[in-house]
């Protein structure tokens, strides 16, 4: 699907969801619409609604799945599985396994969806133990930066079979900080993203990220630390495929749509995600390994975006209810 079609599809899906549910927190439905768009999955409102309602019905009284996050989880299930409603009970089964190692919450449910929809043939208990070890290593290196939002990426890293992962993550973090990337959770996330590209030369990846960072300023986009992860997504693409002018063009088209004009940061994220998704769709065999890594990154970025949006929405709802 070409990026122009992606933007039109994204807007159409969002409009259907927003019209049906009429929530004031539009960002939750932006995330859901983006999931369908990036997977090029035809959207059926009733299937989406049935899946979300099934999640709500099977969730415990105090589960976040009773509220906003169920819609984004429903979207993930629907784009990846033929009969999403049938698979809803598995989300809660996997979640119960996860909370033996991880804390309860939105991000743990997102991890459950990643495991459920993954095509990797890995024993679940071993995967969860490995993910917890990776998360603990993150926490040891950066105790004040690492939190529940890192759960999804820890699980994606657990699918990789790299002995030097921890050293590579720290190398990326330190080298990029020596340039002009600010220390913090976003730089940590970027370093984890780059570590997934285990077939690429580390210094080459660093040079690509620096070039993209400079290109953001050249094309008129701010060099915000919140954009570090999407810079990493772009850096995993073969350099000859990156076109920042095309990214800006997608961003401007999204920005012009009435529902999204106040969501500048999310619009930049969507523009990059749509651009990368279009490149993935036209990958050739010679580039399979790097595109496989980028697919993992899109999944990780979606997970963090979804979890962050869901958390903000839940906080807003709680604040409103207490007044």
Protein backbone atom coordinates (compact mmCIF):
# COMPACT_ATOMS: atom_id res chain seq x y z
CA UNK A 1 0.00 0.00 0.00
CA UNK A 2 1.41 3.40 -0.99
CA UNK A 3 1.78 6.01 1.73
CA UNK A 4 -0.96 8.23 0.27
CA UNK A 5 -3.33 5.28 0.56
CA UNK A 6 -2.09 4.64 4.10
CA UNK A 7 -2.94 8.17 5.20
CA UNK A 8 -6.39 7.96 3.63
CA UNK A 9 -7.00 4.52 5.16
CA UNK A 10 -5.76 5.68 8.56
CA UNK A 11 -8.16 8.62 8.51
CA UNK A 12 -11.09 6.48 7.33
CA UNK A 13 -10.59 3.83 10.03
CA UNK A 14 -10.16 6.43 12.76
CA UNK A 15 -13.33 8.20 11.63
CA UNK A 16 -15.36 4.98 11.82
CA UNK A 17 -14.11 4.17 15.33
CA UNK A 18 -14.53 7.70 16.61
CA UNK A 19 -18.04 7.99 15.18
CA UNK A 20 -19.07 4.71 16.83
CA UNK A 21 -17.64 5.33 20.29
CA UNK A 22 -17.42 9.15 20.42
CA UNK A 23 -14.67 9.36 23.02
CA UNK A 24 -12.92 12.63 23.74
CA UNK A 25 -9.51 10.90 24.02
CA UNK A 26 -8.77 10.51 20.33
CA UNK A 27 -5.23 9.20 20.76
CA UNK A 28 -6.43 5.72 21.76
CA UNK A 29 -8.25 5.36 18.45
CA UNK A 30 -5.32 6.89 16.55
CA UNK A 31 -3.21 3.99 17.81
CA UNK A 32 -5.83 1.41 16.83
CA UNK A 33 -6.29 2.91 13.35
CA UNK A 34 -2.52 2.98 12.83
CA UNK A 35 -2.22 -0.73 13.67
CA UNK A 36 -4.70 -1.66 10.93
CA UNK A 37 -3.04 0.72 8.48
CA UNK A 38 0.51 -0.54 8.99
CA UNK A 39 -0.61 -4.15 8.61
CA UNK A 40 -2.75 -3.32 5.53
CA UNK A 41 -5.57 -5.23 7.20
CA UNK A 42 -9.13 -4.49 6.02
CA UNK A 43 -11.05 -2.94 8.89
CA UNK A 44 -14.41 -4.37 9.96
CA UNK A 45 -16.01 -2.30 12.70
CA UNK A 46 -18.15 -5.11 14.08
CA UNK A 47 -15.24 -7.55 14.36
CA UNK A 48 -13.20 -4.88 16.11
CA UNK A 49 -16.08 -4.13 18.49
CA UNK A 50 -16.78 -7.81 19.26
CA UNK A 51 -13.11 -8.40 20.06
CA UNK A 52 -12.92 -5.36 22.36
CA UNK A 53 -16.15 -6.37 24.13
CA UNK A 54 -14.92 -9.94 24.58
CA UNK A 55 -11.75 -8.62 26.22
CA UNK A 56 -13.82 -6.42 28.53
CA UNK A 57 -16.15 -9.28 29.51
CA UNK A 58 -13.30 -11.65 30.38
CA UNK A 59 -11.18 -9.11 32.27
CA UNK A 60 -11.18 -8.94 36.07
CA UNK A 61 -12.90 -6.08 37.90
CA UNK A 62 -9.72 -4.06 38.39
CA UNK A 63 -8.04 -4.97 35.11
CA UNK A 64 -7.03 -2.13 32.74
CA UNK A 65 -8.68 -4.24 30.04
CA UNK A 66 -12.01 -3.00 31.36
CA UNK A 67 -11.07 0.44 30.01
CA UNK A 68 -9.27 2.13 27.11
CA UNK A 69 -6.41 -0.37 26.50
CA UNK A 70 -8.80 -3.08 25.35
CA UNK A 71 -9.34 -1.26 22.04
CA UNK A 72 -5.67 -1.26 21.07
CA UNK A 73 -5.22 -4.87 22.21
CA UNK A 74 -8.29 -5.77 20.13
CA UNK A 75 -6.69 -4.14 17.09
CA UNK A 76 -3.45 -6.09 17.56
CA UNK A 77 -5.36 -9.37 17.81
CA UNK A 78 -7.54 -8.58 14.81
CA UNK A 79 -4.69 -7.70 12.43
CA UNK A 80 -2.67 -10.78 13.36
CA UNK A 81 -5.24 -13.55 13.89
CA UNK A 82 -8.04 -14.95 11.73
CA UNK A 83 -10.52 -15.31 14.59
CA UNK A 84 -9.51 -12.73 17.21
CA UNK A 85 -12.47 -13.33 19.55
CA UNK A 86 -11.59 -17.01 19.84
CA UNK A 87 -8.06 -16.11 20.98
CA UNK A 88 -9.05 -13.61 23.67
CA UNK A 89 -8.83 -16.15 26.55
CA UNK A 90 -5.19 -16.81 25.65
CA UNK A 91 -4.31 -13.19 26.40
CA UNK A 92 -5.30 -13.70 30.02
CA UNK A 93 -3.56 -17.09 30.24
CA UNK A 94 -0.29 -15.61 28.99
CA UNK A 95 -0.77 -12.59 31.25
CA UNK A 96 -1.06 -14.90 34.27
CA UNK A 97 2.26 -16.48 33.29
CA UNK A 98 3.88 -13.07 32.85
CA UNK A 99 2.91 -11.70 36.27
CA UNK A 100 5.05 -14.37 37.88
CA UNK A 101 8.00 -12.32 36.59
CA UNK A 102 6.65 -8.87 35.70
CA UNK A 103 4.37 -6.37 37.39
CA UNK A 104 0.68 -6.15 36.54
CA UNK A 105 -0.44 -3.39 34.17
CA UNK A 106 -1.03 -2.15 30.62
CA UNK A 107 2.44 -3.00 29.34
CA UNK A 108 2.23 -6.57 30.59
CA UNK A 109 -0.97 -7.03 28.59
CA UNK A 110 0.81 -5.61 25.54
CA UNK A 111 3.58 -8.17 26.09
CA UNK A 112 0.94 -10.91 26.22
CA UNK A 113 -0.35 -9.83 22.80
CA UNK A 114 3.18 -9.83 21.37
CA UNK A 115 3.75 -13.39 22.58
CA UNK A 116 0.34 -14.57 21.37
CA UNK A 117 0.72 -13.10 17.88
CA UNK A 118 4.38 -14.00 17.37
CA UNK A 119 5.21 -16.66 14.80
CA UNK A 120 8.36 -17.62 16.67
CA UNK A 121 8.50 -21.24 17.88
CA UNK A 122 9.79 -20.62 21.40
CA UNK A 123 8.82 -22.26 24.69
CA UNK A 124 6.81 -19.63 26.57
CA UNK A 125 8.24 -20.16 30.04
CA UNK A 126 11.81 -19.97 28.77
CA UNK A 127 11.01 -16.86 26.73
CA UNK A 128 9.52 -15.10 29.77
CA UNK A 129 12.52 -16.02 31.95
CA UNK A 130 14.93 -14.73 29.30
CA UNK A 131 12.92 -11.52 28.90
CA UNK A 132 13.05 -10.95 32.66
CA UNK A 133 16.84 -11.44 32.65
CA UNK A 134 17.19 -8.87 29.86
CA UNK A 135 14.90 -6.46 31.70
CA UNK A 136 16.92 -6.91 34.91
CA UNK A 137 20.10 -6.16 32.96
CA UNK A 138 18.49 -2.96 31.66
CA UNK A 139 17.47 -2.06 35.21
CA UNK A 140 20.96 -2.73 36.53
CA UNK A 141 22.59 -0.44 33.97
CA UNK A 142 19.96 2.31 34.13
CA UNK A 143 17.90 1.90 37.32
CA UNK A 144 16.17 5.27 37.09
CA UNK A 145 15.32 5.01 33.38
CA UNK A 146 14.04 1.47 33.13
CA UNK A 147 10.38 0.82 33.90
CA UNK A 148 7.30 -1.06 32.77
CA UNK A 149 7.33 0.66 29.37
CA UNK A 150 10.46 -1.40 28.62
CA UNK A 151 8.67 -4.74 29.03
CA UNK A 152 7.64 -5.08 25.35
CA UNK A 153 11.13 -4.42 24.03
CA UNK A 154 12.66 -6.81 26.58
CA UNK A 155 10.45 -9.58 25.19
CA UNK A 156 11.32 -8.75 21.58
CA UNK A 157 15.01 -8.82 22.52
CA UNK A 158 14.45 -12.19 24.19
CA UNK A 159 13.52 -13.66 20.82
CA UNK A 160 17.02 -12.78 19.58
CA UNK A 161 19.95 -15.14 20.20
CA UNK A 162 22.77 -12.71 20.96
CA UNK A 163 25.46 -13.30 23.56
CA UNK A 164 26.80 -9.73 23.43
CA UNK A 165 23.46 -7.89 23.51
CA UNK A 166 24.06 -6.07 26.79
CA UNK A 167 27.49 -4.82 25.69
CA UNK A 168 26.13 -3.63 22.32
CA UNK A 169 23.24 -1.74 23.96
CA UNK A 170 25.66 0.10 26.26
CA UNK A 171 28.04 0.81 23.40
CA UNK A 172 25.27 2.45 21.36
CA UNK A 173 24.05 4.40 24.39
CA UNK A 174 27.50 5.80 25.27
CA UNK A 175 28.62 6.56 21.72
CA UNK A 176 25.42 8.41 20.79
CA UNK A 177 25.55 10.38 24.02
CA UNK A 178 29.09 11.46 23.07
CA UNK A 179 27.60 12.95 19.91
CA UNK A 180 24.66 15.06 21.11
CA UNK A 181 21.92 12.60 22.02
CA UNK A 182 20.55 13.33 25.48
CA UNK A 183 20.74 10.65 28.15
CA UNK A 184 17.39 9.24 29.20
CA UNK A 185 14.76 6.63 28.49
CA UNK A 186 14.47 7.55 24.81
CA UNK A 187 18.20 7.10 24.21
CA UNK A 188 18.03 3.80 26.05
CA UNK A 189 15.15 2.73 23.83
CA UNK A 190 17.11 3.78 20.74
CA UNK A 191 20.15 1.76 21.84
CA UNK A 192 17.94 -1.29 22.33
CA UNK A 193 16.44 -0.83 18.88
CA UNK A 194 19.86 -0.75 17.23
CA UNK A 195 20.93 -3.88 19.10
CA UNK A 196 18.24 -5.86 17.28
CA UNK A 197 20.12 -5.41 14.00
CA UNK A 198 22.69 -8.05 14.89
CA UNK A 199 23.91 -8.50 11.29
CA UNK A 200 24.84 -4.82 10.93
CA UNK A 201 28.13 -3.16 11.82
CA UNK A 202 27.77 -1.17 15.05
CA UNK A 203 29.67 1.91 13.90
CA UNK A 204 27.75 1.97 10.63
CA UNK A 205 24.47 1.95 12.56
CA UNK A 206 25.70 4.82 14.74
CA UNK A 207 26.68 6.85 11.68
CA UNK A 208 23.25 6.24 10.13
CA UNK A 209 21.43 7.43 13.26
CA UNK A 210 23.59 10.56 13.43
CA UNK A 211 22.87 11.27 9.76
CA UNK A 212 19.14 10.86 10.33
CA UNK A 213 19.32 13.09 13.42
CA UNK A 214 20.94 15.79 11.28
CA UNK A 215 18.42 15.21 8.50
CA UNK A 216 15.53 15.91 10.87
CA UNK A 217 16.81 19.45 11.30
CA UNK A 218 17.54 19.80 7.58
CA UNK A 219 13.93 19.03 6.61
CA UNK A 220 12.43 21.18 9.35
CA UNK A 221 11.53 18.56 11.97
CA UNK A 222 12.53 19.11 15.59
CA UNK A 223 15.29 16.90 16.99
CA UNK A 224 13.29 15.92 20.07
CA UNK A 225 14.47 13.11 22.30
CA UNK A 226 10.98 11.60 21.98
CA UNK A 227 11.81 11.04 18.31
CA UNK A 228 14.94 8.97 19.03
CA UNK A 229 13.10 5.62 18.68
CA UNK A 230 11.70 6.48 15.24
CA UNK A 231 15.16 7.66 14.18
CA UNK A 232 16.28 4.15 15.10
CA UNK A 233 13.54 2.66 12.94
CA UNK A 234 14.80 4.66 9.97
CA UNK A 235 18.44 3.79 10.70
CA UNK A 236 17.67 0.09 10.29
CA UNK A 237 16.60 0.65 6.69
CA UNK A 238 19.22 0.42 3.94
CA UNK A 239 20.52 4.01 3.54
CA UNK A 240 19.54 4.25 -0.14
CA UNK A 241 15.87 3.72 0.75
CA UNK A 242 15.60 6.60 3.25
CA UNK A 243 13.90 9.75 1.96
CA UNK A 244 13.29 12.37 4.64
CA UNK A 245 11.46 14.63 2.21
CA UNK A 246 8.93 11.81 1.72
CA UNK A 247 8.56 11.46 5.50
CA UNK A 248 7.85 15.19 5.82
CA UNK A 249 5.30 14.97 3.00
CA UNK A 250 3.44 12.18 4.83
CA UNK A 251 3.57 14.18 8.07
CA UNK A 252 2.07 17.26 6.41
CA UNK A 253 -0.75 15.22 4.91
CA UNK A 254 -1.64 13.77 8.32
CA UNK A 255 -1.30 17.18 9.94
CA UNK A 256 -3.89 18.63 7.55
CA UNK A 257 -6.60 16.19 8.65
CA UNK A 258 -9.00 17.78 11.12
CA UNK A 259 -8.90 15.02 13.73
CA UNK A 260 -5.10 15.00 13.98
CA UNK A 261 -3.86 18.59 13.65
CA UNK A 262 -3.28 18.99 17.41
CA UNK A 263 -1.23 15.77 17.68
CA UNK A 264 2.07 16.90 16.13
CA UNK A 265 4.37 14.47 17.94
CA UNK A 266 2.17 11.47 17.23
CA UNK A 267 1.83 12.63 13.62
CA UNK A 268 5.61 12.58 13.17
CA UNK A 269 5.67 9.08 14.68
CA UNK A 270 2.90 7.94 12.34
CA UNK A 271 4.61 9.46 9.30
CA UNK A 272 7.83 7.55 9.97
CA UNK A 273 5.93 4.35 10.75
CA UNK A 274 3.93 4.57 7.51
CA UNK A 275 7.09 5.28 5.52
CA UNK A 276 8.92 2.31 7.04
CA UNK A 277 5.89 0.05 6.60
CA UNK A 278 5.74 0.90 2.90
CA UNK A 279 9.43 0.02 2.54
CA UNK A 280 8.88 -3.29 4.33
CA UNK A 281 6.08 -4.17 1.94
CA UNK A 282 8.45 -3.85 -1.02
CA UNK A 283 11.47 -5.55 0.56
CA UNK A 284 13.58 -7.76 -1.67
CA UNK A 285 15.21 -11.05 -0.69
CA UNK A 286 18.69 -9.53 -0.36
CA UNK A 287 17.44 -7.22 2.38
CA UNK A 288 15.40 -9.80 4.31
CA UNK A 289 17.49 -9.79 7.50
CA UNK A 290 17.43 -6.05 8.06
CA UNK A 291 13.73 -5.81 7.22
CA UNK A 292 12.98 -8.58 9.71
CA UNK A 293 14.68 -6.47 12.37
CA UNK A 294 12.67 -3.41 11.34
CA UNK A 295 9.44 -5.39 11.63
CA UNK A 296 10.37 -6.13 15.24
CA UNK A 297 11.04 -2.45 15.81
CA UNK A 298 7.64 -1.45 14.43
CA UNK A 299 6.08 -3.92 16.83
CA UNK A 300 8.09 -2.52 19.74
CA UNK A 301 7.30 1.06 18.81
CA UNK A 302 3.61 0.25 18.53
CA UNK A 303 3.70 -1.43 21.91
CA UNK A 304 5.30 1.56 23.63
CA UNK A 305 2.99 4.00 21.83
CA UNK A 306 -0.08 1.96 22.75
CA UNK A 307 0.94 1.53 26.36
CA UNK A 308 1.78 5.22 26.77
CA UNK A 309 -1.51 6.31 25.22
CA UNK A 310 -3.49 3.84 27.30
CA UNK A 311 -1.77 4.96 30.49
CA UNK A 312 -2.42 8.63 29.76
CA UNK A 313 -6.04 7.92 28.93
CA UNK A 314 -6.53 5.94 32.12
CA UNK A 315 -4.96 8.72 34.19
CA UNK A 316 -7.23 11.29 32.57
CA UNK A 317 -10.28 9.14 33.24
CA UNK A 318 -9.27 8.62 36.88
CA UNK A 319 -8.65 12.34 37.39
CA UNK A 320 -12.03 13.23 35.90
CA UNK A 321 -13.81 10.70 38.06
CA UNK A 322 -12.33 12.04 41.27
CA UNK A 323 -13.54 15.60 40.74
